[in-house]
N, C-alpha and C. Protein backbone atom coordinates (compact mmCIF):
# COMPACT_ATOMS: atom_id res chain seq x y z
N MET A 1 -13.06 33.34 13.00
CA MET A 1 -11.82 33.42 13.71
C MET A 1 -10.79 32.52 13.01
N MET A 2 -9.60 33.01 12.85
CA MET A 2 -8.55 32.26 12.17
C MET A 2 -7.66 31.56 13.20
N ALA A 3 -7.40 30.29 12.97
CA ALA A 3 -6.54 29.54 13.89
C ALA A 3 -5.08 29.86 13.62
N ILE A 4 -4.33 30.00 14.67
CA ILE A 4 -2.89 30.25 14.55
C ILE A 4 -2.18 28.93 14.77
N THR A 5 -1.34 28.58 13.82
CA THR A 5 -0.57 27.35 13.94
C THR A 5 0.91 27.70 13.98
N ARG A 6 1.62 26.90 14.70
CA ARG A 6 3.05 27.11 14.87
C ARG A 6 3.78 26.52 13.68
N TYR A 7 4.68 27.29 13.10
CA TYR A 7 5.48 26.82 11.96
C TYR A 7 6.63 25.98 12.48
N GLU A 8 6.69 24.75 12.04
CA GLU A 8 7.73 23.81 12.46
C GLU A 8 8.47 23.33 11.22
N PRO A 9 9.56 24.00 10.81
CA PRO A 9 10.25 23.59 9.58
C PRO A 9 10.83 22.18 9.66
N TRP A 10 11.18 21.74 10.85
CA TRP A 10 11.76 20.40 10.97
C TRP A 10 10.74 19.32 10.68
N ASN A 11 9.46 19.59 10.91
CA ASN A 11 8.43 18.62 10.56
C ASN A 11 8.40 18.38 9.06
N LEU A 12 8.55 19.44 8.27
CA LEU A 12 8.57 19.29 6.82
C LEU A 12 9.78 18.49 6.36
N ILE A 13 10.92 18.76 6.96
CA ILE A 13 12.13 18.02 6.60
C ILE A 13 12.00 16.56 7.00
N SER A 14 11.45 16.32 8.19
CA SER A 14 11.25 14.95 8.65
C SER A 14 10.29 14.20 7.72
N GLN A 15 9.23 14.87 7.31
CA GLN A 15 8.26 14.25 6.40
C GLN A 15 8.91 13.92 5.06
N LEU A 16 9.73 14.83 4.52
CA LEU A 16 10.43 14.60 3.27
C LEU A 16 11.41 13.42 3.41
N HIS A 17 12.13 13.39 4.52
CA HIS A 17 13.07 12.30 4.78
C HIS A 17 12.36 10.95 4.80
N LYS A 18 11.22 10.89 5.49
CA LYS A 18 10.47 9.63 5.56
C LYS A 18 9.98 9.20 4.19
N GLU A 19 9.53 10.16 3.38
CA GLU A 19 9.05 9.84 2.04
C GLU A 19 10.19 9.33 1.15
N LEU A 20 11.34 9.98 1.22
CA LEU A 20 12.49 9.52 0.45
C LEU A 20 12.93 8.13 0.90
N GLU A 21 12.97 7.92 2.20
CA GLU A 21 13.36 6.61 2.73
C GLU A 21 12.40 5.53 2.29
N ARG A 22 11.10 5.84 2.33
CA ARG A 22 10.09 4.86 1.91
C ARG A 22 10.28 4.49 0.45
N ASN A 23 10.53 5.48 -0.40
CA ASN A 23 10.73 5.21 -1.82
C ASN A 23 12.00 4.42 -2.08
N MET A 24 13.06 4.67 -1.32
CA MET A 24 14.30 3.94 -1.52
C MET A 24 14.18 2.50 -1.06
N VAL A 25 13.48 2.26 0.05
CA VAL A 25 13.36 0.92 0.59
C VAL A 25 12.39 0.09 -0.23
N GLU A 26 11.27 0.69 -0.63
CA GLU A 26 10.23 -0.09 -1.26
C GLU A 26 10.42 -0.35 -2.73
N GLY A 27 11.14 0.47 -3.42
CA GLY A 27 11.26 0.26 -4.86
C GLY A 27 9.98 0.66 -5.53
N SER A 28 9.13 -0.30 -5.84
CA SER A 28 7.87 0.05 -6.49
C SER A 28 6.79 -0.95 -6.12
N THR A 29 5.56 -0.52 -6.23
CA THR A 29 4.42 -1.40 -6.08
C THR A 29 3.80 -1.50 -7.45
N ALA A 30 3.77 -2.69 -7.98
CA ALA A 30 3.20 -2.88 -9.31
C ALA A 30 1.69 -2.83 -9.24
N THR A 31 1.06 -2.72 -10.38
CA THR A 31 -0.38 -2.69 -10.42
C THR A 31 -0.91 -4.03 -9.91
N ALA A 32 -1.73 -3.94 -8.89
CA ALA A 32 -2.36 -5.12 -8.31
C ALA A 32 -3.69 -4.68 -7.73
N GLU A 33 -4.51 -5.63 -7.34
CA GLU A 33 -5.81 -5.29 -6.80
C GLU A 33 -5.69 -4.72 -5.40
N TRP A 34 -4.65 -5.09 -4.67
CA TRP A 34 -4.40 -4.52 -3.34
C TRP A 34 -2.94 -4.74 -2.98
N ALA A 35 -2.46 -3.99 -2.02
CA ALA A 35 -1.07 -4.12 -1.57
C ALA A 35 -1.08 -4.23 -0.05
N PRO A 36 -0.49 -5.29 0.49
CA PRO A 36 -0.50 -5.44 1.94
C PRO A 36 0.34 -4.35 2.62
N SER A 37 -0.11 -3.95 3.81
CA SER A 37 0.66 -3.02 4.62
C SER A 37 1.87 -3.76 5.16
N VAL A 38 3.01 -3.06 5.24
CA VAL A 38 4.23 -3.69 5.74
C VAL A 38 4.92 -2.83 6.80
N ASP A 39 5.64 -3.50 7.67
CA ASP A 39 6.55 -2.86 8.61
C ASP A 39 7.93 -3.41 8.29
N ILE A 40 8.92 -2.53 8.25
CA ILE A 40 10.30 -2.95 7.98
C ILE A 40 11.14 -2.54 9.17
N LYS A 41 11.84 -3.50 9.74
CA LYS A 41 12.64 -3.27 10.93
C LYS A 41 14.08 -3.70 10.64
N GLU A 42 15.03 -2.92 11.11
CA GLU A 42 16.44 -3.28 10.97
C GLU A 42 17.03 -3.51 12.34
N ASP A 43 17.57 -4.70 12.54
CA ASP A 43 18.31 -5.04 13.76
C ASP A 43 19.79 -5.05 13.42
N LYS A 44 20.60 -5.29 14.42
CA LYS A 44 22.05 -5.32 14.24
C LYS A 44 22.47 -6.38 13.20
N ASP A 45 21.80 -7.53 13.22
CA ASP A 45 22.22 -8.64 12.38
C ASP A 45 21.21 -9.07 11.31
N LYS A 46 20.08 -8.34 11.20
CA LYS A 46 19.06 -8.76 10.22
C LYS A 46 18.08 -7.64 9.94
N PHE A 47 17.33 -7.82 8.85
CA PHE A 47 16.17 -7.01 8.51
C PHE A 47 14.96 -7.91 8.69
N VAL A 48 13.85 -7.36 9.15
CA VAL A 48 12.62 -8.13 9.30
C VAL A 48 11.49 -7.34 8.64
N ILE A 49 10.75 -8.02 7.77
CA ILE A 49 9.60 -7.42 7.11
C ILE A 49 8.36 -8.17 7.58
N HIS A 50 7.36 -7.44 8.07
CA HIS A 50 6.07 -8.00 8.42
C HIS A 50 5.05 -7.45 7.42
N ALA A 51 4.32 -8.34 6.77
CA ALA A 51 3.30 -7.93 5.81
C ALA A 51 1.95 -8.49 6.25
N ASP A 52 0.95 -7.62 6.33
CA ASP A 52 -0.40 -8.05 6.71
C ASP A 52 -1.09 -8.69 5.52
N ILE A 53 -1.33 -9.99 5.62
CA ILE A 53 -1.99 -10.72 4.53
C ILE A 53 -3.05 -11.67 5.11
N PRO A 54 -4.02 -11.14 5.85
CA PRO A 54 -5.03 -12.02 6.45
C PRO A 54 -5.83 -12.77 5.39
N GLY A 55 -6.07 -14.03 5.68
CA GLY A 55 -6.87 -14.84 4.75
C GLY A 55 -6.12 -15.41 3.58
N VAL A 56 -4.81 -15.15 3.48
CA VAL A 56 -4.02 -15.68 2.37
C VAL A 56 -3.31 -16.95 2.85
N LYS A 57 -3.51 -18.03 2.14
CA LYS A 57 -2.88 -19.30 2.50
C LYS A 57 -1.40 -19.28 2.09
N PRO A 58 -0.53 -19.94 2.86
CA PRO A 58 0.90 -19.97 2.51
C PRO A 58 1.17 -20.45 1.08
N GLU A 59 0.37 -21.38 0.59
CA GLU A 59 0.59 -21.88 -0.78
C GLU A 59 0.20 -20.86 -1.84
N ASP A 60 -0.49 -19.77 -1.44
CA ASP A 60 -0.87 -18.73 -2.38
C ASP A 60 0.08 -17.53 -2.33
N ILE A 61 1.21 -17.68 -1.65
CA ILE A 61 2.20 -16.61 -1.52
C ILE A 61 3.47 -17.02 -2.25
N ASP A 62 4.03 -16.11 -3.01
CA ASP A 62 5.29 -16.34 -3.72
C ASP A 62 6.28 -15.27 -3.30
N VAL A 63 7.39 -15.70 -2.72
CA VAL A 63 8.46 -14.77 -2.32
C VAL A 63 9.68 -15.12 -3.16
N SER A 64 10.25 -14.11 -3.84
CA SER A 64 11.43 -14.37 -4.66
C SER A 64 12.43 -13.23 -4.52
N MET A 65 13.67 -13.52 -4.88
CA MET A 65 14.75 -12.56 -4.79
C MET A 65 15.54 -12.60 -6.08
N GLU A 66 15.69 -11.44 -6.72
CA GLU A 66 16.46 -11.39 -7.96
C GLU A 66 17.08 -10.00 -8.11
N ASN A 67 18.38 -9.98 -8.36
CA ASN A 67 19.13 -8.73 -8.58
C ASN A 67 18.92 -7.69 -7.47
N GLY A 68 18.92 -8.16 -6.22
CA GLY A 68 18.78 -7.25 -5.09
C GLY A 68 17.37 -6.79 -4.82
N ILE A 69 16.40 -7.35 -5.51
CA ILE A 69 14.99 -6.96 -5.32
C ILE A 69 14.21 -8.15 -4.78
N LEU A 70 13.62 -7.94 -3.60
CA LEU A 70 12.78 -8.95 -2.97
C LEU A 70 11.34 -8.69 -3.41
N THR A 71 10.67 -9.72 -3.91
CA THR A 71 9.30 -9.59 -4.39
C THR A 71 8.39 -10.50 -3.59
N ILE A 72 7.28 -9.93 -3.14
CA ILE A 72 6.23 -10.69 -2.45
C ILE A 72 4.98 -10.55 -3.31
N LYS A 73 4.43 -11.68 -3.72
CA LYS A 73 3.18 -11.60 -4.48
C LYS A 73 2.32 -12.80 -4.13
N GLY A 74 1.06 -12.67 -4.39
CA GLY A 74 0.14 -13.75 -4.09
C GLY A 74 -1.27 -13.36 -4.39
N GLU A 75 -2.19 -14.14 -3.83
CA GLU A 75 -3.59 -13.90 -4.11
C GLU A 75 -4.44 -14.32 -2.93
N LYS A 76 -5.40 -13.48 -2.62
CA LYS A 76 -6.41 -13.79 -1.62
C LYS A 76 -7.67 -14.12 -2.39
N LYS A 77 -8.10 -15.36 -2.27
CA LYS A 77 -9.23 -15.82 -3.07
C LYS A 77 -10.55 -15.39 -2.45
N THR A 78 -11.51 -15.10 -3.32
CA THR A 78 -12.83 -14.66 -2.87
C THR A 78 -13.72 -15.85 -2.56
N GLU A 79 -14.81 -15.54 -1.88
CA GLU A 79 -15.83 -16.56 -1.66
C GLU A 79 -16.56 -16.76 -2.98
N ALA A 80 -17.48 -17.67 -3.01
CA ALA A 80 -18.21 -17.93 -4.25
C ALA A 80 -18.79 -16.63 -4.81
N GLU A 81 -18.67 -16.43 -6.07
CA GLU A 81 -19.08 -15.20 -6.73
C GLU A 81 -20.57 -14.89 -6.52
N THR A 82 -21.41 -15.91 -6.43
CA THR A 82 -22.83 -15.67 -6.25
C THR A 82 -23.14 -15.02 -4.90
N GLU A 83 -22.32 -15.29 -3.89
CA GLU A 83 -22.54 -14.70 -2.57
C GLU A 83 -22.23 -13.21 -2.56
N ARG A 84 -21.38 -12.74 -3.43
CA ARG A 84 -20.98 -11.33 -3.44
C ARG A 84 -22.10 -10.41 -3.89
N GLU A 85 -23.04 -10.91 -4.65
CA GLU A 85 -24.11 -10.07 -5.18
C GLU A 85 -25.01 -9.52 -4.09
N ASP A 86 -25.11 -10.17 -2.94
CA ASP A 86 -26.00 -9.73 -1.87
C ASP A 86 -25.34 -8.78 -0.88
N TYR A 87 -24.10 -8.45 -1.09
CA TYR A 87 -23.41 -7.56 -0.15
C TYR A 87 -23.94 -6.14 -0.27
N LYS A 88 -24.11 -5.49 0.87
CA LYS A 88 -24.45 -4.07 0.90
C LYS A 88 -23.18 -3.24 0.91
N ARG A 89 -22.16 -3.76 1.53
CA ARG A 89 -20.86 -3.09 1.60
C ARG A 89 -19.78 -4.15 1.76
N MET A 90 -18.69 -4.00 1.01
CA MET A 90 -17.59 -4.95 1.12
C MET A 90 -16.30 -4.18 1.28
N GLU A 91 -15.66 -4.30 2.46
CA GLU A 91 -14.41 -3.61 2.73
C GLU A 91 -13.21 -4.55 2.74
N ARG A 92 -13.46 -5.84 2.89
CA ARG A 92 -12.34 -6.78 2.86
C ARG A 92 -11.86 -6.93 1.43
N THR A 93 -10.55 -6.93 1.27
CA THR A 93 -9.96 -6.93 -0.06
C THR A 93 -9.66 -8.36 -0.52
N TYR A 94 -9.95 -8.62 -1.78
CA TYR A 94 -9.66 -9.90 -2.41
C TYR A 94 -8.89 -9.64 -3.69
N GLY A 95 -8.21 -10.66 -4.18
CA GLY A 95 -7.50 -10.55 -5.44
C GLY A 95 -6.01 -10.66 -5.25
N SER A 96 -5.28 -10.29 -6.28
CA SER A 96 -3.83 -10.45 -6.25
C SER A 96 -3.16 -9.25 -5.60
N PHE A 97 -1.98 -9.51 -5.03
CA PHE A 97 -1.17 -8.43 -4.46
C PHE A 97 0.27 -8.59 -4.90
N TYR A 98 1.04 -7.50 -4.77
CA TYR A 98 2.40 -7.47 -5.29
C TYR A 98 3.16 -6.36 -4.59
N ARG A 99 4.26 -6.68 -3.94
CA ARG A 99 5.13 -5.67 -3.32
C ARG A 99 6.57 -6.01 -3.67
N ARG A 100 7.39 -4.96 -3.88
CA ARG A 100 8.82 -5.15 -4.18
C ARG A 100 9.64 -4.27 -3.26
N PHE A 101 10.81 -4.78 -2.88
CA PHE A 101 11.69 -4.06 -1.98
C PHE A 101 13.13 -4.16 -2.48
N ASN A 102 13.80 -3.02 -2.60
CA ASN A 102 15.22 -3.00 -2.93
C ASN A 102 15.98 -3.28 -1.65
N LEU A 103 16.75 -4.35 -1.63
CA LEU A 103 17.52 -4.68 -0.44
C LEU A 103 18.92 -4.07 -0.52
N PRO A 104 19.46 -3.66 0.61
CA PRO A 104 20.82 -3.11 0.60
C PRO A 104 21.86 -4.19 0.35
N ASP A 105 23.06 -3.78 0.02
CA ASP A 105 24.15 -4.73 -0.25
C ASP A 105 24.50 -5.57 0.97
N THR A 106 24.14 -5.10 2.15
CA THR A 106 24.47 -5.84 3.38
C THR A 106 23.53 -7.03 3.60
N ALA A 107 22.45 -7.15 2.84
CA ALA A 107 21.50 -8.25 3.00
C ALA A 107 22.07 -9.54 2.42
N ASN A 108 21.91 -10.63 3.16
CA ASN A 108 22.35 -11.95 2.72
C ASN A 108 21.16 -12.63 2.04
N SER A 109 21.05 -12.48 0.74
CA SER A 109 19.90 -13.00 0.00
C SER A 109 19.82 -14.52 -0.02
N ASP A 110 20.93 -15.20 0.28
CA ASP A 110 20.93 -16.66 0.28
C ASP A 110 20.30 -17.26 1.54
N ALA A 111 20.05 -16.44 2.56
CA ALA A 111 19.57 -16.97 3.83
C ALA A 111 18.22 -16.38 4.25
N ILE A 112 17.43 -15.90 3.30
CA ILE A 112 16.13 -15.31 3.61
C ILE A 112 15.16 -16.43 4.01
N SER A 113 14.38 -16.18 5.06
CA SER A 113 13.36 -17.14 5.47
C SER A 113 12.02 -16.44 5.56
N ALA A 114 10.94 -17.22 5.37
CA ALA A 114 9.59 -16.66 5.39
C ALA A 114 8.66 -17.61 6.13
N GLN A 115 7.77 -17.00 6.93
CA GLN A 115 6.75 -17.80 7.61
C GLN A 115 5.51 -16.94 7.84
N THR A 116 4.35 -17.60 7.96
CA THR A 116 3.12 -16.87 8.25
C THR A 116 2.59 -17.31 9.60
N LYS A 117 1.98 -16.35 10.30
CA LYS A 117 1.36 -16.64 11.59
C LYS A 117 0.28 -15.59 11.83
N HIS A 118 -0.93 -16.04 12.05
CA HIS A 118 -2.06 -15.16 12.36
C HIS A 118 -2.25 -14.07 11.31
N GLY A 119 -2.11 -14.41 10.02
CA GLY A 119 -2.35 -13.46 8.95
C GLY A 119 -1.22 -12.48 8.67
N VAL A 120 -0.05 -12.74 9.26
CA VAL A 120 1.10 -11.87 9.04
C VAL A 120 2.24 -12.69 8.45
N LEU A 121 2.77 -12.23 7.32
CA LEU A 121 3.94 -12.86 6.70
C LEU A 121 5.17 -12.20 7.31
N GLU A 122 6.07 -13.01 7.83
CA GLU A 122 7.32 -12.49 8.38
C GLU A 122 8.49 -12.97 7.53
N LEU A 123 9.22 -12.02 6.98
CA LEU A 123 10.43 -12.33 6.21
C LEU A 123 11.62 -11.90 7.04
N THR A 124 12.56 -12.81 7.24
CA THR A 124 13.78 -12.50 7.96
C THR A 124 14.92 -12.54 6.97
N ILE A 125 15.64 -11.41 6.89
CA ILE A 125 16.74 -11.27 5.94
C ILE A 125 18.01 -11.01 6.73
N PRO A 126 18.83 -12.04 6.95
CA PRO A 126 20.07 -11.82 7.71
C PRO A 126 21.02 -10.89 6.97
N LYS A 127 21.84 -10.21 7.72
CA LYS A 127 22.87 -9.37 7.13
C LYS A 127 24.11 -10.22 6.91
N LYS A 128 24.89 -9.84 5.92
CA LYS A 128 26.15 -10.53 5.66
C LYS A 128 27.11 -10.27 6.81
N ALA A 129 27.95 -11.27 7.08
CA ALA A 129 28.96 -11.07 8.11
C ALA A 129 29.88 -9.95 7.67
N GLU A 130 30.16 -9.06 8.58
CA GLU A 130 31.02 -7.94 8.24
C GLU A 130 32.44 -8.43 7.96
N VAL A 131 33.02 -7.88 6.95
CA VAL A 131 34.38 -8.24 6.61
C VAL A 131 35.31 -7.43 7.51
N GLN A 132 36.10 -8.15 8.27
CA GLN A 132 37.02 -7.49 9.18
C GLN A 132 38.31 -7.15 8.43
N PRO A 133 38.87 -5.96 8.67
CA PRO A 133 40.12 -5.63 8.00
C PRO A 133 41.22 -6.56 8.48
N LYS A 134 42.08 -6.91 7.56
CA LYS A 134 43.17 -7.83 7.88
C LYS A 134 44.46 -7.01 8.01
N LYS A 135 45.14 -7.24 9.09
CA LYS A 135 46.41 -6.56 9.35
C LYS A 135 47.51 -7.27 8.56
N ILE A 136 48.24 -6.49 7.78
CA ILE A 136 49.33 -7.05 6.97
C ILE A 136 50.64 -6.54 7.56
N SER A 137 51.49 -7.48 7.90
CA SER A 137 52.78 -7.11 8.48
C SER A 137 53.73 -6.67 7.39
N VAL A 138 54.47 -5.64 7.69
CA VAL A 138 55.47 -5.14 6.74
C VAL A 138 56.82 -5.65 7.23
N MET A 139 57.52 -6.40 6.38
CA MET A 139 58.81 -6.98 6.74
C MET A 139 59.93 -6.12 6.14
N SER A 140 61.03 -6.10 6.81
CA SER A 140 62.19 -5.37 6.34
C SER A 140 62.97 -6.28 5.38
N ALA A 141 63.39 -5.73 4.24
CA ALA A 141 64.17 -6.49 3.27
C ALA A 141 65.65 -6.37 3.55
N ASP A 142 66.05 -5.65 4.57
CA ASP A 142 67.46 -5.46 4.90
C ASP A 142 68.07 -6.67 5.51
């Protein structure tokens, strides 16, 4: 028996839109042993990035900003190498990680803050104050 599925063209467009958006926001992921999962949220006055990095110490994380690209990299250190030989299965990831994000022009790169809590790195990127249009009075030369 063949299953009948409903054709939803908007689902395809939505999927394409999400993929394009992901590529524009993330820039690229360089070759690394693993890449942390991230959530990116935009509020009225800031962007917030949450990256899952359980087991990574704050001193092993490097966050930098250059030419509109925010880079998060670091390393999750393994246990003693001799202990790894007895594993039947290992799903926890160890090694270096690297993520890059293209920030929009509205991001204030001078005020980025970072903190870790319960294995999650939180980056707060404030938006620049909006430039308000200035009213210029026109005077009569008469």
